[in-house]
Amino acid sequence: MATKGTNAKIKELKGVKAEKITAEQLKKVQDTVNTMNRAQIEIGGIELRKHEVLHQLAGVKDELAELQEELKKEYGTVDVNIQDGTINNN
């Protein structure tokens, strides 16, 4: 009676193509694909956070524009030293 290894060798010699990859190869492929999937999910989370931060930044820019408009109405300029509040009237 031929052993499993012998059957594989006979099929190889007859030119019969394998029907499956080895269990070890399958495990490596599955692990690699899972790693890629986790990385893609992580990238998606990072992109979502980036989108949220960009919206937050847009809101802060709008707020700054409103403050500048108030300063311009009150002082005629928006050229202010943000360290000490000095108005630059040049």
N, C-alpha and C. Protein backbone atom coordinates (compact mmCIF):
# COMPACT_ATOMS: atom_id res chain seq x y z
N MET A 1 0.85 -1.19 0.00
CA MET A 1 0.00 0.00 0.00
C MET A 1 0.89 1.24 0.00
N ALA A 2 0.59 2.19 -0.87
CA ALA A 2 1.40 3.39 -1.00
C ALA A 2 1.05 4.37 0.11
N THR A 3 2.05 5.08 0.58
CA THR A 3 1.82 6.08 1.62
C THR A 3 1.39 7.39 0.98
N LYS A 4 0.98 8.32 1.83
CA LYS A 4 0.52 9.62 1.34
C LYS A 4 1.62 10.33 0.55
N GLY A 5 2.83 10.29 1.07
CA GLY A 5 3.96 10.92 0.39
C GLY A 5 4.26 10.25 -0.94
N THR A 6 4.11 8.95 -0.97
CA THR A 6 4.36 8.20 -2.20
C THR A 6 3.31 8.55 -3.24
N ASN A 7 2.05 8.65 -2.83
CA ASN A 7 0.98 9.03 -3.76
C ASN A 7 1.24 10.39 -4.37
N ALA A 8 1.68 11.34 -3.57
CA ALA A 8 1.99 12.67 -4.06
C ALA A 8 3.11 12.62 -5.07
N LYS A 9 4.12 11.81 -4.80
CA LYS A 9 5.27 11.68 -5.70
C LYS A 9 4.83 11.04 -7.01
N ILE A 10 3.96 10.02 -6.93
CA ILE A 10 3.47 9.35 -8.14
C ILE A 10 2.68 10.34 -8.99
N LYS A 11 1.81 11.14 -8.35
CA LYS A 11 1.03 12.13 -9.08
C LYS A 11 1.95 13.16 -9.74
N GLU A 12 3.00 13.55 -9.00
CA GLU A 12 3.95 14.51 -9.54
C GLU A 12 4.63 13.95 -10.77
N LEU A 13 5.05 12.70 -10.69
CA LEU A 13 5.74 12.07 -11.81
C LEU A 13 4.81 11.88 -13.00
N LYS A 14 3.53 11.66 -12.76
CA LYS A 14 2.55 11.48 -13.84
C LYS A 14 2.12 12.82 -14.43
N GLY A 15 2.51 13.92 -13.81
CA GLY A 15 2.14 15.24 -14.31
C GLY A 15 0.78 15.69 -13.82
N VAL A 16 0.26 15.04 -12.79
CA VAL A 16 -1.02 15.44 -12.22
C VAL A 16 -0.78 16.67 -11.35
N LYS A 17 -1.57 17.71 -11.58
CA LYS A 17 -1.39 18.95 -10.82
C LYS A 17 -2.03 18.82 -9.44
N ALA A 18 -1.39 19.46 -8.49
CA ALA A 18 -1.91 19.46 -7.12
C ALA A 18 -3.25 20.18 -7.07
N GLU A 19 -4.13 19.76 -6.20
CA GLU A 19 -5.45 20.37 -6.08
C GLU A 19 -5.49 21.42 -4.99
N LYS A 20 -4.58 21.35 -4.03
CA LYS A 20 -4.56 22.28 -2.91
C LYS A 20 -3.12 22.64 -2.55
N ILE A 21 -2.99 23.80 -1.94
CA ILE A 21 -1.68 24.15 -1.37
C ILE A 21 -1.55 23.45 -0.03
N THR A 22 -0.37 23.46 0.52
CA THR A 22 -0.17 22.78 1.80
C THR A 22 -0.84 23.57 2.92
N ALA A 23 -1.09 22.91 4.01
CA ALA A 23 -1.70 23.58 5.17
C ALA A 23 -0.83 24.73 5.66
N GLU A 24 0.47 24.54 5.62
CA GLU A 24 1.40 25.59 6.06
C GLU A 24 1.32 26.79 5.12
N GLN A 25 1.27 26.55 3.82
CA GLN A 25 1.15 27.64 2.86
C GLN A 25 -0.18 28.37 3.03
N LEU A 26 -1.24 27.59 3.23
CA LEU A 26 -2.56 28.19 3.44
C LEU A 26 -2.56 29.09 4.66
N LYS A 27 -1.95 28.63 5.73
CA LYS A 27 -1.86 29.42 6.98
C LYS A 27 -1.11 30.72 6.73
N LYS A 28 0.01 30.65 5.99
CA LYS A 28 0.78 31.85 5.69
C LYS A 28 -0.03 32.84 4.85
N VAL A 29 -0.73 32.32 3.85
CA VAL A 29 -1.55 33.19 3.00
C VAL A 29 -2.66 33.84 3.83
N GLN A 30 -3.34 33.05 4.63
CA GLN A 30 -4.42 33.58 5.48
C GLN A 30 -3.90 34.62 6.44
N ASP A 31 -2.77 34.36 7.07
CA ASP A 31 -2.19 35.33 8.01
C ASP A 31 -1.83 36.63 7.31
N THR A 32 -1.25 36.51 6.12
CA THR A 32 -0.85 37.70 5.37
C THR A 32 -2.07 38.52 4.96
N VAL A 33 -3.10 37.86 4.46
CA VAL A 33 -4.32 38.56 4.06
C VAL A 33 -4.98 39.21 5.28
N ASN A 34 -5.00 38.52 6.40
CA ASN A 34 -5.57 39.10 7.63
C ASN A 34 -4.78 40.32 8.07
N THR A 35 -3.47 40.27 7.97
CA THR A 35 -2.64 41.42 8.33
C THR A 35 -2.95 42.60 7.42
N MET A 36 -3.10 42.34 6.13
CA MET A 36 -3.45 43.40 5.19
C MET A 36 -4.82 43.99 5.52
N ASN A 37 -5.78 43.14 5.83
CA ASN A 37 -7.12 43.61 6.16
C ASN A 37 -7.11 44.49 7.41
N ARG A 38 -6.36 44.08 8.42
CA ARG A 38 -6.27 44.88 9.65
C ARG A 38 -5.64 46.24 9.35
N ALA A 39 -4.61 46.24 8.51
CA ALA A 39 -3.94 47.50 8.16
C ALA A 39 -4.91 48.42 7.41
N GLN A 40 -5.70 47.86 6.50
CA GLN A 40 -6.66 48.67 5.76
C GLN A 40 -7.74 49.23 6.67
N ILE A 41 -8.17 48.46 7.63
CA ILE A 41 -9.16 48.94 8.60
C ILE A 41 -8.56 50.06 9.44
N GLU A 42 -7.32 49.91 9.84
CA GLU A 42 -6.64 50.94 10.62
C GLU A 42 -6.50 52.23 9.81
N ILE A 43 -6.14 52.09 8.54
CA ILE A 43 -6.03 53.26 7.66
C ILE A 43 -7.38 53.95 7.56
N GLY A 44 -8.44 53.18 7.44
CA GLY A 44 -9.78 53.76 7.38
C GLY A 44 -10.10 54.56 8.62
N GLY A 45 -9.73 54.03 9.78
CA GLY A 45 -9.94 54.76 11.04
C GLY A 45 -9.15 56.04 11.10
N ILE A 46 -7.92 55.98 10.61
CA ILE A 46 -7.07 57.17 10.59
C ILE A 46 -7.66 58.22 9.64
N GLU A 47 -8.13 57.78 8.49
CA GLU A 47 -8.73 58.72 7.53
C GLU A 47 -10.00 59.35 8.10
N LEU A 48 -10.78 58.57 8.82
CA LEU A 48 -11.98 59.11 9.46
C LEU A 48 -11.59 60.18 10.48
N ARG A 49 -10.60 59.90 11.29
CA ARG A 49 -10.13 60.87 12.29
C ARG A 49 -9.60 62.12 11.60
N LYS A 50 -8.86 61.93 10.50
CA LYS A 50 -8.33 63.07 9.73
C LYS A 50 -9.49 63.94 9.25
N HIS A 51 -10.54 63.32 8.73
CA HIS A 51 -11.71 64.05 8.24
C HIS A 51 -12.33 64.87 9.38
N GLU A 52 -12.46 64.26 10.54
CA GLU A 52 -13.03 64.95 11.70
C GLU A 52 -12.17 66.15 12.10
N VAL A 53 -10.87 65.96 12.12
CA VAL A 53 -9.96 67.05 12.50
C VAL A 53 -10.00 68.18 11.47
N LEU A 54 -10.10 67.82 10.20
CA LEU A 54 -10.20 68.86 9.16
C LEU A 54 -11.47 69.69 9.33
N HIS A 55 -12.56 69.05 9.69
CA HIS A 55 -13.80 69.79 9.96
C HIS A 55 -13.63 70.69 11.18
N GLN A 56 -12.97 70.19 12.18
CA GLN A 56 -12.72 70.98 13.38
C GLN A 56 -11.86 72.20 13.02
N LEU A 57 -10.84 71.99 12.21
CA LEU A 57 -9.97 73.09 11.78
C LEU A 57 -10.75 74.13 10.99
N ALA A 58 -11.64 73.68 10.13
CA ALA A 58 -12.46 74.62 9.35
C ALA A 58 -13.30 75.48 10.29
N GLY A 59 -13.84 74.87 11.34
CA GLY A 59 -14.63 75.64 12.31
C GLY A 59 -13.78 76.67 13.04
N VAL A 60 -12.57 76.31 13.39
CA VAL A 60 -11.67 77.24 14.08
C VAL A 60 -11.29 78.38 13.14
N LYS A 61 -11.07 78.08 11.86
CA LYS A 61 -10.77 79.14 10.89
C LYS A 61 -11.93 80.11 10.76
N ASP A 62 -13.15 79.58 10.75
CA ASP A 62 -14.33 80.45 10.69
C ASP A 62 -14.40 81.34 11.93
N GLU A 63 -14.11 80.75 13.08
CA GLU A 63 -14.12 81.51 14.34
C GLU A 63 -13.08 82.63 14.30
N LEU A 64 -11.89 82.32 13.78
CA LEU A 64 -10.83 83.34 13.67
C LEU A 64 -11.27 84.45 12.72
N ALA A 65 -11.91 84.09 11.63
CA ALA A 65 -12.37 85.11 10.68
C ALA A 65 -13.38 86.04 11.34
N GLU A 66 -14.26 85.50 12.17
CA GLU A 66 -15.23 86.33 12.89
C GLU A 66 -14.52 87.26 13.87
N LEU A 67 -13.54 86.72 14.60
CA LEU A 67 -12.77 87.56 15.53
C LEU A 67 -12.03 88.67 14.80
N GLN A 68 -11.46 88.35 13.65
CA GLN A 68 -10.74 89.36 12.87
C GLN A 68 -11.69 90.45 12.39
N GLU A 69 -12.89 90.06 12.00
CA GLU A 69 -13.88 91.04 11.56
C GLU A 69 -14.26 91.98 12.71
N GLU A 70 -14.43 91.42 13.90
CA GLU A 70 -14.74 92.24 15.08
C GLU A 70 -13.59 93.21 15.37
N LEU A 71 -12.34 92.71 15.31
CA LEU A 71 -11.18 93.56 15.56
C LEU A 71 -11.08 94.67 14.52
N LYS A 72 -11.36 94.33 13.27
CA LYS A 72 -11.28 95.33 12.20
C LYS A 72 -12.32 96.42 12.40
N LYS A 73 -13.54 96.03 12.82
CA LYS A 73 -14.59 97.02 13.07
C LYS A 73 -14.21 97.92 14.24
N GLU A 74 -13.65 97.31 15.28
CA GLU A 74 -13.36 98.08 16.49
C GLU A 74 -12.07 98.88 16.39
N TYR A 75 -11.03 98.31 15.76
CA TYR A 75 -9.71 98.97 15.76
C TYR A 75 -9.23 99.38 14.37
N GLY A 76 -9.97 99.00 13.34
CA GLY A 76 -9.59 99.39 11.98
C GLY A 76 -8.52 98.50 11.36
N THR A 77 -8.08 97.51 12.08
CA THR A 77 -7.05 96.61 11.57
C THR A 77 -7.17 95.25 12.26
N VAL A 78 -6.58 94.27 11.63
CA VAL A 78 -6.50 92.95 12.26
C VAL A 78 -5.05 92.58 12.52
N ASP A 79 -4.17 93.56 12.30
CA ASP A 79 -2.74 93.34 12.50
C ASP A 79 -2.41 93.53 13.98
N VAL A 80 -2.47 92.41 14.72
CA VAL A 80 -2.27 92.44 16.17
C VAL A 80 -1.19 91.43 16.54
N ASN A 81 -0.32 91.83 17.44
CA ASN A 81 0.69 90.93 17.96
C ASN A 81 -0.02 89.94 18.90
N ILE A 82 0.01 88.66 18.55
CA ILE A 82 -0.74 87.69 19.36
C ILE A 82 -0.01 87.32 20.65
N GLN A 83 1.20 87.83 20.83
CA GLN A 83 1.93 87.58 22.08
C GLN A 83 1.51 88.55 23.19
N ASP A 84 1.37 89.84 22.82
CA ASP A 84 1.08 90.84 23.86
C ASP A 84 -0.14 91.72 23.55
N GLY A 85 -0.79 91.50 22.40
CA GLY A 85 -2.00 92.26 22.08
C GLY A 85 -1.77 93.64 21.47
N THR A 86 -0.53 93.99 21.18
CA THR A 86 -0.21 95.29 20.61
C THR A 86 -0.80 95.39 19.20
N ILE A 87 -1.48 96.52 18.94
CA ILE A 87 -2.03 96.77 17.62
C ILE A 87 -0.97 97.40 16.76
N ASN A 88 -0.73 96.85 15.60
CA ASN A 88 0.25 97.40 14.66
C ASN A 88 -0.50 98.28 13.66
N ASN A 89 -0.35 99.59 13.84
CA ASN A 89 -1.03 100.57 12.98
C ASN A 89 -0.12 101.08 11.89
N ASN A 90 0.55 100.26 11.20
CA ASN A 90 1.47 100.70 10.14
C ASN A 90 0.78 100.82 8.82
